[in-house]
C-alpha cells in the first residue's frame, strides 16, 4: 500500500527541484536585473551574462515605445547585447523594477546612432526616479562625441529606502520639438554600503570628517586602474560588474613609470578593505614618479579629470606597495593634492596598509566650483618633511563619484559636455547640411573662376585694340639715337637749308613718336619740360641742322609751334 504513494512523492520532489532551479536561474532572485531594451528574446553579453528582452517583461507593464535595431555595429562595441537593440519613446514611459530596499548600482546603456526614422541629433531626454533627477535634457550623441566614444554607460548608485520598487521614467525633452528618449539596456546590481567610511575628510579642512548621508545617491564619473590595463565587468571579481579604465588618457605632463607586482607577492585584503572594494588587478599594478630623485622633485604626477561644476565629489584613492624593497615605514612619503589644495601630507602606504602587498584606500570630498564642465586636478609630490629614503609617490587606483545636490527635486544631472571643434555627426540633417555647404563652395569657386576668365578676356581684347590703334597712328623715327622731338617730317637737306622754307601744316595733334630729353618728354602740341629744357633742346636742334646732309629727317622740340627747326643761316638772319 505504501508503494503507490512513492511516485507522488518523487513527483513533488522533482517539481520542487525544478522550481528551485527556475528561481536560481531568475536573475531577480539574487537581485540582479538585466534588461535588453527593444529585444523580445534573451541574449548573452561578452561576460556570459543573460539579458532578458523588455518585450513582455514583468518590468515593463503596458509597454510603449518603438523597438529599434541599430543599422550598423561599431567595432568598439564590447558586445551586441545590449547595444544593438533600443527602445524609443516619444512620450513619457516608466519601467518599474521590483527590488529589495538597500543600495544598488543602476547602469544605463546608450548606443547613439541614427535608428530608422529617428535622427540621432533629436534624442534629448531626461531620466528620473520619483525622488531624483539622474539625467536632464541629456544628449547621448553629444556626450559620446565629446569623449570620442561610440557608446555610453551611465552608472549611478541609488538607495531604495522604502517600498519594494525602483521606478525609472524616460521623458523626451519638453524644450525641443521632435525630441525623443531611448535606452539600449538597463542593469541593476545590489551592493552593500561601500561608500560610507568613518575617516572621509573634506579637502582643506582635515580636522572635520565628512558626514556622508547613507541615503545619498551618487554618479560614477571615473573608475581608473592606475598603471594597468582596462578591466571589463567580467574581470571585476567583487561581483559588482564594474568597468575599470586605463588612466593614461588623463595623465598630464610627466607620466612617471608603470609597474606590476613582484611575482612572489600576493595581494592581501584586510577587514577594513574587503575583496569587493577593488579587484586584485587594480592593486597589482601601479604608477610612480620614477627612480630619479632630482627629476621627481621638479614635477608633480598629475591627472586632469573633467567634471560637472556645482557638485561635491567623493574621491577614493587605492594604494598597495607591490615591489621590493619598499617594505618599511618612511621609505616613501608624499603629498596628495586635489585642485591645488593639500588633501594629505606624509602619505605613507606602509603606515596605512600595514605592510607590502596589503591593500588600503583613503577617501576625500571636495566641491567643484565654477559653471558647466571644469577640470579637476589630482597631483602627487614627494614629501621630504620626514626625510624618507626615496623621493617618490605611488597610486594604484582612483574612483571619482559625484554626490547628489539636495533640493526639489534632488539632482545628479549636469550639462551636456561641449562638442569638439569638428564634430562627427552622422545624422541625415547634418549630412545634407554638409552637402549644401560643399555645393555652395564649389559653386562660388566656379563662378569666381568664370568672372576672372571673363575679366582676363576683356583685358586681352582692350590691349589688342590699343596695340592696333598705335600701329595705325604712329610712325617711328629712324635715327641712330632716340628722337628728341614730337613730330617727324621727311625733309630733304636742300629744302631745309632754303631761305624760303616753310614747314608743312600739322594734320594731327596726336604724337607720331615720343622721346625723353633731359627731364621732359615730347608728347603733343605742348612740351612737358620746363623752359630751360626747351632752350636746351632748340640749341641742340640748330647744331643738328648743320649736319642735315647726313640725315633724311628731323625731329625737333620747339616752343610749342610744331614747326621744324630752321637752318643755321636762317636763324642768323632772323637774329639780326
Protein backbone atom coordinates (compact mmCIF):
# COMPACT_ATOMS: atom_id res chain seq x y z
CA UNK A 1 0.00 0.00 0.00
CA UNK A 2 2.93 2.32 0.56
CA UNK A 3 4.39 1.79 -2.87
CA UNK A 4 1.67 3.61 -4.85
CA UNK A 5 2.45 6.79 -2.88
CA UNK A 6 6.10 6.73 -3.95
CA UNK A 7 5.58 8.19 -7.43
CA UNK A 8 3.61 11.04 -5.95
CA UNK A 9 6.44 11.85 -3.54
CA UNK A 10 9.02 11.69 -6.28
CA UNK A 11 6.87 13.89 -8.44
CA UNK A 12 6.63 16.51 -5.72
CA UNK A 13 10.37 16.42 -5.15
CA UNK A 14 11.03 16.83 -8.84
CA UNK A 15 8.64 19.76 -9.05
CA UNK A 16 10.27 21.44 -6.06
CA UNK A 17 13.70 20.93 -7.60
CA UNK A 18 12.59 22.40 -10.88
CA UNK A 19 11.05 25.36 -9.08
CA UNK A 20 14.23 26.00 -7.12
CA UNK A 21 16.29 25.79 -10.31
CA UNK A 22 13.96 28.21 -12.02
CA UNK A 23 14.28 30.63 -9.13
CA UNK A 24 18.04 30.31 -9.18
CA UNK A 25 18.04 30.92 -12.91
CA UNK A 26 15.97 34.01 -12.44
CA UNK A 27 18.31 37.00 -12.16
CA UNK A 28 15.89 38.79 -9.91
CA UNK A 29 16.14 36.05 -7.26
CA UNK A 30 19.57 37.41 -6.40
CA UNK A 31 18.55 40.98 -7.08
CA UNK A 32 20.45 41.20 -10.38
CA UNK A 33 18.32 42.65 -13.20
CA UNK A 34 19.46 42.77 -16.84
CA UNK A 35 17.04 44.19 -19.43
CA UNK A 36 17.90 44.28 -23.13
CA UNK A 37 15.62 47.09 -24.25
CA UNK A 38 13.97 46.67 -27.63
CA UNK A 39 14.57 42.91 -27.69
CA UNK A 40 11.94 40.19 -27.49
CA UNK A 41 14.23 37.25 -26.62
CA UNK A 42 17.11 36.56 -24.26
CA UNK A 43 20.72 37.22 -25.23
CA UNK A 44 24.16 36.84 -23.68
CA UNK A 45 26.76 39.61 -23.41
CA UNK A 46 30.54 39.28 -23.69
CA UNK A 47 30.84 38.31 -20.00
CA UNK A 48 28.37 35.44 -20.35
CA UNK A 49 25.50 37.13 -18.52
CA UNK A 50 21.98 36.58 -19.87
CA UNK A 51 19.82 39.62 -20.61
CA UNK A 52 16.02 39.48 -20.88
CA UNK A 53 14.18 41.42 -23.57
CA UNK A 54 11.74 44.08 -22.39
CA UNK A 55 9.01 42.84 -24.73
CA UNK A 56 6.55 41.02 -22.47
CA UNK A 57 8.75 41.70 -19.42
CA UNK A 58 7.23 41.98 -15.97
CA UNK A 59 9.31 45.16 -15.53
CA UNK A 60 7.59 46.88 -18.47
CA UNK A 61 3.84 46.80 -17.94
CA UNK A 62 1.77 48.18 -20.82
CA UNK A 63 4.97 48.62 -22.79
CA UNK A 64 5.02 51.63 -25.10
CA UNK A 65 7.59 52.97 -27.47
CA UNK A 66 9.16 51.52 -30.59
CA UNK A 67 11.59 48.63 -30.69
CA UNK A 68 14.50 49.51 -32.98
CA UNK A 69 17.66 47.83 -34.20
CA UNK A 70 20.89 49.73 -34.83
CA UNK A 71 21.70 49.97 -38.56
CA UNK A 72 25.39 49.22 -38.01
CA UNK A 73 27.71 47.90 -35.32
CA UNK A 74 30.72 49.98 -34.33
CA UNK A 75 33.89 47.87 -33.91
CA UNK A 76 34.45 49.33 -30.44
CA UNK A 77 31.22 47.90 -29.01
CA UNK A 78 32.08 45.32 -26.34
CA UNK A 79 29.16 43.10 -27.43
CA UNK A 80 25.94 43.19 -29.41
CA UNK A 81 23.91 42.74 -26.22
CA UNK A 82 22.51 45.12 -25.12
CA UNK A 83 23.77 47.77 -27.57
CA UNK A 84 22.29 46.69 -30.90
CA UNK A 85 18.62 46.98 -29.88
CA UNK A 86 16.88 50.00 -28.39
CA UNK A 87 13.53 51.12 -27.05
CA UNK A 88 12.49 54.57 -28.35
CA UNK A 89 9.91 56.74 -26.56
CA UNK A 90 8.18 59.80 -28.00
CA UNK A 91 6.23 60.27 -24.75
CA UNK A 92 6.92 59.59 -21.09
CA UNK A 93 7.28 55.97 -20.05
CA UNK A 94 8.18 54.30 -16.73
CA UNK A 95 9.90 50.98 -16.07
CA UNK A 96 9.03 49.54 -12.66
CA UNK A 97 11.61 47.20 -11.09
CA UNK A 98 10.83 45.06 -8.05
CA UNK A 99 13.86 45.34 -5.77
CA UNK A 100 14.71 44.91 -2.11
CA UNK A 101 15.42 48.05 -0.06
CA UNK A 102 19.09 48.98 0.02
CA UNK A 103 21.88 50.36 -2.12
CA UNK A 104 22.40 49.23 -5.71
CA UNK A 105 24.24 50.14 -8.90
CA UNK A 106 21.95 51.33 -11.68
CA UNK A 107 23.57 51.29 -15.13
CA UNK A 108 22.02 52.73 -18.29
CA UNK A 109 23.45 51.70 -21.67
CA UNK A 110 23.29 54.00 -24.72
CA UNK A 111 24.36 53.46 -28.32
CA UNK A 112 23.59 56.81 -30.06
CA UNK A 113 23.12 56.11 -33.79
CA UNK A 114 20.50 57.05 -36.36
CA UNK A 115 17.82 54.44 -35.78
CA UNK A 116 15.28 54.02 -38.63
CA UNK A 117 13.06 57.14 -38.89
CA UNK A 118 14.84 58.83 -35.95
CA UNK A 119 17.64 61.37 -36.23
CA UNK A 120 20.31 60.90 -33.60
CA UNK A 121 20.53 64.66 -33.04
CA UNK A 122 16.88 64.77 -31.87
CA UNK A 123 17.46 62.49 -28.88
CA UNK A 124 17.26 64.88 -25.90
CA UNK A 125 15.59 63.47 -22.82
CA UNK A 126 15.57 63.09 -19.05
CA UNK A 127 15.75 60.05 -16.78
CA UNK A 128 14.25 60.32 -13.30
CA UNK A 129 13.17 58.35 -10.25
CA UNK A 130 10.34 59.59 -8.02
CA UNK A 131 12.86 61.42 -5.79
CA UNK A 132 15.88 62.04 -8.03
CA UNK A 133 16.82 63.51 -11.42
CA UNK A 134 19.53 61.31 -12.92
CA UNK A 135 19.78 62.92 -16.38
CA UNK A 136 18.17 66.13 -17.63
CA UNK A 137 17.99 67.31 -21.27
CA UNK A 138 20.60 64.66 -21.91
CA UNK A 139 22.09 64.13 -25.37
CA UNK A 140 23.82 60.78 -25.66
CA UNK A 141 25.15 61.70 -29.11
CA UNK A 142 26.75 64.95 -27.98
CA UNK A 143 28.24 63.30 -24.91
CA UNK A 144 29.66 60.43 -26.97
CA UNK A 145 31.25 62.86 -29.44
CA UNK A 146 32.80 64.88 -26.63
CA UNK A 147 34.55 61.82 -25.18
CA UNK A 148 35.18 60.26 -28.62
CA UNK A 149 33.32 57.05 -27.81
CA UNK A 150 30.74 55.12 -29.82
CA UNK A 151 28.72 54.09 -26.76
CA UNK A 152 27.97 55.26 -23.23
CA UNK A 153 27.34 53.61 -19.87
CA UNK A 154 25.99 55.86 -17.15
CA UNK A 155 26.40 54.33 -13.67
CA UNK A 156 24.57 55.53 -10.56
CA UNK A 157 24.46 54.27 -7.00
CA UNK A 158 20.95 54.71 -5.61
CA UNK A 159 19.48 53.75 -2.29
CA UNK A 160 15.94 52.41 -2.16
CA UNK A 161 14.99 53.09 1.45
CA UNK A 162 11.30 52.28 1.37
CA UNK A 163 8.82 50.37 -0.74
CA UNK A 164 9.77 47.49 -2.97
CA UNK A 165 10.23 49.03 -6.40
CA UNK A 166 12.55 51.29 -8.32
CA UNK A 167 10.62 53.31 -10.90
CA UNK A 168 12.61 54.71 -13.81
CA UNK A 169 10.95 57.27 -16.10
CA UNK A 170 12.21 58.26 -19.56
CA UNK A 171 10.83 61.56 -20.85
CA UNK A 172 11.60 63.40 -24.13
CA UNK A 173 12.77 66.97 -23.67
CA UNK A 174 9.94 69.46 -23.27
CA UNK A 175 12.13 72.26 -24.64
CA UNK A 176 12.87 70.75 -28.08
CA UNK A 177 10.36 69.95 -30.80
CA UNK A 178 10.57 66.43 -32.18
CA UNK A 179 12.75 65.13 -29.36
CA UNK A 180 12.61 61.53 -28.19
CA UNK A 181 14.11 59.29 -25.50
CA UNK A 182 15.84 55.97 -25.96
CA UNK A 183 17.73 53.34 -23.98
CA UNK A 184 19.55 50.18 -25.03
CA UNK A 185 19.99 48.40 -21.71
CA UNK A 186 19.18 48.68 -18.01
CA UNK A 187 21.22 46.90 -15.32
CA UNK A 188 20.59 46.78 -11.58
CA UNK A 189 23.18 45.21 -9.23
CA UNK A 190 22.53 45.17 -5.45
CA UNK A 191 25.55 46.17 -3.33
CA UNK A 192 26.36 46.71 0.33
CA UNK A 193 27.10 50.20 1.55
CA UNK A 194 30.55 50.65 0.03
CA UNK A 195 30.76 54.44 0.30
CA UNK A 196 30.41 55.24 3.97
CA UNK A 197 33.85 55.42 5.58
CA UNK A 198 34.47 56.87 9.07
CA UNK A 199 37.65 58.71 8.06
CA UNK A 200 36.35 60.51 4.94
CA UNK A 201 37.66 64.09 5.10
CA UNK A 202 36.91 67.42 3.49
CA UNK A 203 39.76 68.78 1.40
CA UNK A 204 41.01 71.96 3.03
CA UNK A 205 39.64 71.00 6.45
CA UNK A 206 41.17 67.70 7.51
CA UNK A 207 40.16 68.20 11.13
CA UNK A 208 36.44 67.63 10.49
CA UNK A 209 35.30 64.33 8.95
CA UNK A 210 32.77 64.45 6.15
CA UNK A 211 29.26 63.42 7.17
CA UNK A 212 28.00 61.08 4.47
CA UNK A 213 24.23 60.54 4.29
CA UNK A 214 23.59 56.86 3.65
CA UNK A 215 20.51 57.74 1.61
CA UNK A 216 22.52 59.89 -0.82
CA UNK A 217 22.79 58.90 -4.45
CA UNK A 218 25.99 59.09 -6.45
CA UNK A 219 27.09 59.02 -10.08
CA UNK A 220 30.31 57.28 -11.06
CA UNK A 221 32.40 59.79 -13.01
CA UNK A 222 35.72 57.88 -13.23
CA UNK A 223 36.98 54.47 -12.21
CA UNK A 224 40.66 54.12 -13.18
CA UNK A 225 43.09 51.23 -12.95
CA UNK A 226 46.19 53.37 -12.48
CA UNK A 227 49.24 51.96 -14.22
CA UNK A 228 47.35 48.95 -15.57
CA UNK A 229 45.11 47.90 -18.44
CA UNK A 230 41.35 48.35 -18.60
CA UNK A 231 39.30 45.79 -16.67
CA UNK A 232 35.97 44.59 -18.09
CA UNK A 233 32.91 43.82 -15.93
CA UNK A 234 33.83 40.14 -16.19
CA UNK A 235 37.21 40.86 -14.55
CA UNK A 236 35.69 42.74 -11.62
CA UNK A 237 35.89 39.90 -9.13
CA UNK A 238 33.93 41.78 -6.49
CA UNK A 239 30.68 40.70 -8.15
CA UNK A 240 29.56 44.24 -8.99
CA UNK A 241 30.45 44.05 -12.72
CA UNK A 242 32.31 47.36 -12.65
CA UNK A 243 34.43 48.61 -15.53
CA UNK A 244 37.89 50.00 -14.77
CA UNK A 245 39.51 52.21 -17.42
CA UNK A 246 43.19 52.77 -18.08
CA UNK A 247 44.41 56.07 -16.59
CA UNK A 248 46.86 57.02 -19.37
CA UNK A 249 44.43 59.36 -21.28
CA UNK A 250 44.11 61.57 -18.18
CA UNK A 251 47.80 61.95 -17.34
CA UNK A 252 49.16 65.49 -17.70
CA UNK A 253 52.85 66.33 -18.04
CA UNK A 254 55.28 63.70 -16.79
CA UNK A 255 53.70 60.26 -16.88
CA UNK A 256 56.08 58.60 -14.44
CA UNK A 257 56.59 54.84 -14.70
CA UNK A 258 54.15 51.92 -14.54
CA UNK A 259 54.86 48.51 -13.00
CA UNK A 260 53.23 45.32 -11.75
CA UNK A 261 53.61 43.43 -8.51
CA UNK A 262 56.56 41.15 -7.92
CA UNK A 263 55.91 37.56 -8.93
CA UNK A 264 56.41 36.22 -5.41
CA UNK A 265 53.99 38.73 -3.89
CA UNK A 266 50.32 38.03 -3.08
CA UNK A 267 47.69 40.76 -2.77
CA UNK A 268 46.19 40.58 0.73
CA UNK A 269 42.84 42.11 1.68
CA UNK A 270 42.04 43.17 5.24
CA UNK A 271 38.95 43.51 7.37
CA UNK A 272 38.83 47.20 6.58
CA UNK A 273 39.28 46.57 2.87
CA UNK A 274 37.09 43.62 1.78
CA UNK A 275 37.61 41.90 -1.57
CA UNK A 276 34.79 43.75 -3.30
CA UNK A 277 36.50 47.13 -2.70
CA UNK A 278 38.54 46.70 -5.91
CA UNK A 279 39.75 43.65 -7.87
CA UNK A 280 43.30 42.31 -7.37
CA UNK A 281 44.32 43.59 -10.81
CA UNK A 282 43.81 47.15 -9.56
CA UNK A 283 46.07 46.67 -6.54
CA UNK A 284 48.51 44.57 -8.56
CA UNK A 285 49.54 47.46 -10.86
CA UNK A 286 50.68 50.99 -10.07
CA UNK A 287 52.17 54.21 -11.39
CA UNK A 288 55.01 56.01 -9.61
CA UNK A 289 57.13 59.06 -10.39
CA UNK A 290 60.29 57.16 -11.24
CA UNK A 291 63.69 56.26 -9.77
CA UNK A 292 65.44 59.65 -10.19
CA UNK A 293 65.04 61.81 -7.11
CA UNK A 294 66.05 65.14 -8.70
CA UNK A 295 63.55 64.69 -11.54
CA UNK A 296 60.80 63.77 -9.10
CA UNK A 297 61.36 66.90 -7.04
CA UNK A 298 60.81 69.08 -10.12
CA UNK A 299 57.36 67.87 -11.19
CA UNK A 300 54.03 66.55 -9.95
CA UNK A 301 52.48 63.26 -11.04
CA UNK A 302 49.18 64.74 -12.27
CA UNK A 303 45.80 63.61 -13.62
CA UNK A 304 43.21 66.01 -15.11
CA UNK A 305 39.57 64.85 -14.97
CA UNK A 306 36.68 66.96 -16.41
CA UNK A 307 33.68 67.08 -14.04
CA UNK A 308 30.41 68.98 -13.65
CA UNK A 309 30.71 72.17 -11.62
CA UNK A 310 28.47 72.87 -8.66
CA UNK A 311 28.63 69.40 -7.06
CA UNK A 312 30.55 67.75 -4.25
CA UNK A 313 32.76 64.82 -5.27
CA UNK A 314 33.94 61.78 -3.37
CA UNK A 315 37.44 60.68 -4.43
CA UNK A 316 38.73 57.25 -3.43
CA UNK A 317 42.49 56.57 -3.74
CA UNK A 318 43.54 52.89 -3.79
CA UNK A 319 47.06 52.02 -2.57
CA UNK A 320 49.22 48.93 -2.24
CA UNK A 321 53.00 48.60 -2.15
CA UNK A 322 53.74 45.78 -4.59
CA UNK A 323 57.51 45.81 -5.18
CA UNK A 324 60.53 45.28 -3.03
CA UNK A 325 62.43 46.94 -1.37
CA UNK A 326 59.52 49.15 -0.15
CA UNK A 327 58.70 47.19 2.99
CA UNK A 328 59.30 49.64 5.84
CA UNK A 329 57.81 52.86 7.18
CA UNK A 330 59.19 56.15 5.84
CA UNK A 331 60.74 54.68 2.74
CA UNK A 332 58.24 56.57 0.54
CA UNK A 333 56.22 59.57 1.72
CA UNK A 334 54.27 62.03 -0.47
CA UNK A 335 51.60 64.72 -0.72
CA UNK A 336 48.14 64.30 -2.25
CA UNK A 337 46.80 67.47 -3.86
CA UNK A 338 43.25 67.96 -5.19
CA UNK A 339 42.58 71.15 -7.13
CA UNK A 340 45.80 72.69 -5.79
CA UNK A 341 44.73 72.04 -2.18
CA UNK A 342 46.53 69.70 0.15
CA UNK A 343 44.37 66.67 0.85
CA UNK A 344 47.04 64.57 2.60
CA UNK A 345 50.53 65.14 3.99
CA UNK A 346 53.08 62.38 4.63
CA UNK A 347 51.08 59.72 2.80
CA UNK A 348 52.95 56.52 3.65
CA UNK A 349 51.28 53.44 2.17
CA UNK A 350 53.06 51.05 4.53
CA UNK A 351 51.72 53.00 7.52
CA UNK A 352 48.17 52.94 6.19
CA UNK A 353 48.13 49.32 4.97
CA UNK A 354 50.40 47.60 7.49
CA UNK A 355 52.91 46.10 5.06
CA UNK A 356 53.86 45.25 1.50
CA UNK A 357 51.13 43.57 -0.54
CA UNK A 358 48.35 44.73 1.81
CA UNK A 359 45.51 46.86 0.37
CA UNK A 360 44.22 50.19 1.63
CA UNK A 361 42.29 53.20 0.42
CA UNK A 362 41.54 56.74 1.55
CA UNK A 363 38.54 58.99 0.77
CA UNK A 364 38.31 62.78 0.31
CA UNK A 365 35.43 65.10 -0.53
CA UNK A 366 35.79 68.38 -2.44
CA UNK A 367 33.48 70.92 -4.07
CA UNK A 368 33.94 71.64 -7.79
CA UNK A 369 33.37 75.35 -8.18
CA UNK A 370 32.54 77.12 -11.43
CA UNK A 371 29.97 76.64 -14.19
CA UNK A 372 29.45 73.94 -16.77
CA UNK A 373 32.29 71.48 -17.10
CA UNK A 374 35.53 72.15 -15.21
CA UNK A 375 38.81 70.28 -14.76
CA UNK A 376 39.63 68.51 -11.52
CA UNK A 377 43.38 68.23 -10.84
CA UNK A 378 44.81 65.35 -8.83
CA UNK A 379 48.55 65.54 -8.14
CA UNK A 380 51.17 63.64 -6.12
CA UNK A 381 54.56 65.01 -4.98
CA UNK A 382 57.30 63.74 -2.62
CA UNK A 383 57.02 64.95 0.96
CA UNK A 384 60.51 65.46 2.43
CA UNK A 385 59.40 66.60 5.86
CA UNK A 386 60.02 63.13 7.35
CA UNK A 387 63.22 62.60 5.34
CA UNK A 388 62.08 59.45 3.51
CA UNK A 389 64.50 57.07 1.87
CA UNK A 390 63.00 57.54 -1.60
CA UNK A 391 61.67 60.77 -3.12
CA UNK A 392 58.70 59.23 -4.87
CA UNK A 393 54.90 58.72 -4.92
CA UNK A 394 52.63 55.86 -5.90
CA UNK A 395 48.98 55.25 -6.84
CA UNK A 396 47.17 52.01 -7.78
CA UNK A 397 43.58 53.03 -8.43
CA UNK A 398 41.29 56.06 -8.43
CA UNK A 399 37.50 56.43 -8.27
CA UNK A 400 35.57 59.72 -8.56
CA UNK A 401 31.87 59.90 -7.60
CA UNK A 402 29.52 62.87 -7.93
CA UNK A 403 27.25 63.42 -4.91
CA UNK A 404 23.66 64.48 -5.42
CA UNK A 405 22.53 68.03 -4.79
CA UNK A 406 19.60 68.25 -2.40
CA UNK A 407 16.62 70.28 -3.47
CA UNK A 408 13.21 69.91 -5.02
CA UNK A 409 13.86 67.58 -6.69
CA UNK A 410 17.20 66.10 -5.74
CA UNK A 411 19.57 66.30 -8.67
CA UNK A 412 22.55 64.48 -10.16
CA UNK A 413 22.33 65.81 -13.72
CA UNK A 414 24.91 68.04 -15.32
CA UNK A 415 25.14 69.92 -18.61
CA UNK A 416 25.98 68.18 -21.84
CA UNK A 417 29.72 68.49 -22.49
CA UNK A 418 30.79 70.91 -25.25
CA UNK A 419 31.18 69.47 -28.73
CA UNK A 420 34.67 69.14 -30.19
CA UNK A 421 35.73 71.69 -32.82
CA UNK A 422 34.98 69.30 -35.66
CA UNK A 423 32.02 67.16 -34.58
CA UNK A 424 31.47 63.94 -36.49
CA UNK A 425 27.67 63.94 -36.70
CA UNK A 426 26.33 61.20 -38.94
CA UNK A 427 22.68 62.35 -38.89
CA UNK A 428 20.86 62.90 -42.23
CA UNK A 429 20.22 66.56 -41.46
CA UNK A 430 23.90 67.14 -40.74
CA UNK A 431 24.87 65.24 -43.90
CA UNK A 432 22.52 67.33 -46.05
CA UNK A 433 23.87 70.50 -44.45
CA UNK A 434 27.41 69.43 -45.25
CA UNK A 435 26.40 68.66 -48.86
CA UNK A 436 24.84 72.10 -49.21
CA UNK A 437 27.97 73.75 -47.84
CA UNK A 438 30.17 71.80 -50.25
CA UNK A 439 27.87 72.69 -53.16
CA UNK A 440 27.96 76.37 -52.21
CA UNK A 441 31.75 76.34 -52.02
CA UNK A 442 32.08 74.60 -55.39
CA UNK A 443 29.54 76.97 -56.98
CA UNK A 444 31.33 80.00 -55.62
CA UNK A 445 34.68 78.74 -56.86
CA UNK A 446 33.33 78.02 -60.35
CA UNK A 447 31.56 81.38 -60.50
CA UNK A 448 34.68 83.20 -59.39
CA UNK A 449 36.75 81.39 -62.00
CA UNK A 450 34.28 82.34 -64.77
CA UNK A 451 34.32 86.00 -63.69
CA UNK A 452 38.12 86.00 -63.58
CA UNK A 453 38.28 84.36 -67.02
CA UNK A 454 35.88 86.94 -68.48
CA UNK A 455 37.91 89.77 -66.97
CA UNK A 456 41.13 88.42 -68.44
CA UNK A 457 39.46 88.00 -71.84
CA UNK A 458 38.20 91.60 -71.73
CA UNK A 459 41.64 92.92 -70.77
CA UNK A 460 43.18 90.99 -73.66
CA UNK A 461 40.69 92.47 -76.12
CA UNK A 462 41.30 96.01 -74.86
CA UNK A 463 45.07 95.59 -75.07
CA UNK A 464 44.79 94.14 -78.55
CA UNK A 465 42.70 97.11 -79.74
CA UNK A 466 45.13 99.62 -78.27
CA UNK A 467 48.04 97.91 -79.99
CA UNK A 468 46.22 98.04 -83.32
CA UNK A 469 45.43 101.74 -82.84
CA UNK A 470 49.05 102.56 -82.04
CA UNK A 471 50.23 100.76 -85.16
CA UNK A 472 47.86 102.82 -87.35
CA UNK A 473 48.68 106.28 -85.90
CA UNK A 474 52.41 106.02 -85.13
CA UNK A 475 55.39 106.37 -87.49
CA UNK A 476 58.66 105.55 -85.88
CA UNK A 477 61.59 107.93 -86.12
CA UNK A 478 64.54 106.37 -87.79
CA UNK A 479 67.54 107.80 -86.08
CA UNK A 480 70.74 106.42 -84.75
CA UNK A 481 69.73 107.60 -81.28
CA UNK A 482 66.44 108.27 -79.55
CA UNK A 483 64.39 111.11 -81.21
CA UNK A 484 64.29 114.50 -79.50
CA UNK A 485 61.15 115.99 -80.99
CA UNK A 486 57.47 115.45 -81.07
CA UNK A 487 56.63 115.22 -84.78
CA UNK A 488 58.73 113.68 -87.52
CA UNK A 489 58.52 115.11 -91.10
CA UNK A 490 60.61 113.79 -94.01
CA UNK A 491 62.53 116.88 -95.25
CA UNK A 492 65.38 116.89 -97.74
CA UNK A 493 68.64 118.60 -96.88
CA UNK A 494 68.35 121.18 -99.68
CA UNK A 495 64.82 122.12 -98.72
CA UNK A 496 65.68 122.56 -95.09
CA UNK A 497 68.56 124.99 -95.99
CA UNK A 498 66.44 127.07 -98.34
CA UNK A 499 65.72 130.69 -97.13
CA UNK A 500 62.13 130.35 -98.32
CA UNK A 501 61.48 127.10 -96.45
CA UNK A 502 58.22 126.89 -94.54
CA UNK A 503 57.18 123.80 -92.63
CA UNK A 504 54.04 121.99 -93.74
CA UNK A 505 50.98 122.42 -91.52
CA UNK A 506 50.19 119.82 -88.85
CA UNK A 507 47.46 117.42 -89.73
CA UNK A 508 47.15 115.73 -86.35
CA UNK A 509 47.53 116.70 -82.75
CA UNK A 510 48.40 113.16 -81.78
CA UNK A 511 52.04 112.32 -81.46
CA UNK A 512 53.67 110.18 -84.08
CA UNK A 513 56.61 109.49 -81.85
CA UNK A 514 57.80 110.48 -78.42
CA UNK A 515 61.16 110.76 -76.75
CA UNK A 516 62.58 111.76 -73.43
CA UNK A 517 65.15 114.50 -73.39
CA UNK A 518 66.69 115.62 -70.13
CA UNK A 519 63.81 115.69 -67.70
CA UNK A 520 60.98 116.25 -70.21
CA UNK A 521 59.00 114.27 -72.77
CA UNK A 522 57.64 115.43 -76.13
CA UNK A 523 54.10 114.19 -76.45
CA UNK A 524 51.68 116.53 -78.24
CA UNK A 525 51.32 120.23 -79.04
CA UNK A 526 52.91 121.27 -75.73
CA UNK A 527 56.15 120.33 -74.14
CA UNK A 528 56.02 118.96 -70.63
CA UNK A 529 59.55 120.14 -69.84
CA UNK A 530 60.49 123.38 -68.15
CA UNK A 531 61.53 126.45 -70.31
CA UNK A 532 65.16 125.62 -69.65
CA UNK A 533 64.59 122.28 -71.27
CA UNK A 534 63.14 123.97 -74.43
CA UNK A 535 66.06 126.32 -74.94
CA UNK A 536 68.47 123.50 -74.45
CA UNK A 537 66.55 121.39 -76.96
CA UNK A 538 66.45 124.20 -79.53
CA UNK A 539 70.22 124.71 -79.30
CA UNK A 540 70.75 121.03 -79.89
CA UNK A 541 68.38 121.17 -82.84
CA UNK A 542 70.30 124.03 -84.51
CA UNK A 543 73.57 122.19 -84.15
CA UNK A 544 72.00 119.20 -85.74
CA UNK A 545 70.65 121.26 -88.63
CA UNK A 546 74.20 121.87 -89.86
CA UNK A 547 74.55 118.13 -90.24
CA UNK A 548 71.34 117.74 -92.20
CA UNK A 549 73.15 116.37 -95.17
CA UNK A 550 73.83 113.27 -93.21
CA UNK A 551 70.20 112.79 -92.31
CA UNK A 552 66.99 112.44 -94.13
CA UNK A 553 64.64 113.62 -91.40
CA UNK A 554 64.48 115.76 -88.24
CA UNK A 555 62.60 115.54 -85.00
CA UNK A 556 62.98 118.73 -83.03
CA UNK A 557 61.44 120.25 -79.92
CA UNK A 558 60.34 123.83 -80.13
CA UNK A 559 58.39 126.40 -78.17
CA UNK A 560 55.15 124.76 -78.94
CA UNK A 561 54.53 125.87 -82.58
CA UNK A 562 55.04 122.43 -84.01
CA UNK A 563 57.46 123.67 -86.74
CA UNK A 564 60.68 122.04 -87.86
CA UNK A 565 63.96 123.56 -86.86
CA UNK A 566 65.28 126.32 -89.21
CA UNK A 567 68.72 126.18 -90.76
CA UNK A 568 71.62 127.91 -89.12
CA UNK A 569 71.75 130.65 -91.81
CA UNK A 570 68.09 131.40 -91.46
CA UNK A 571 68.49 131.53 -87.71
CA UNK A 572 71.30 134.07 -88.03
CA UNK A 573 69.28 136.20 -90.44
CA UNK A 574 66.31 136.26 -88.03
CA UNK A 575 68.57 137.10 -85.13
CA UNK A 576 69.72 140.23 -86.98
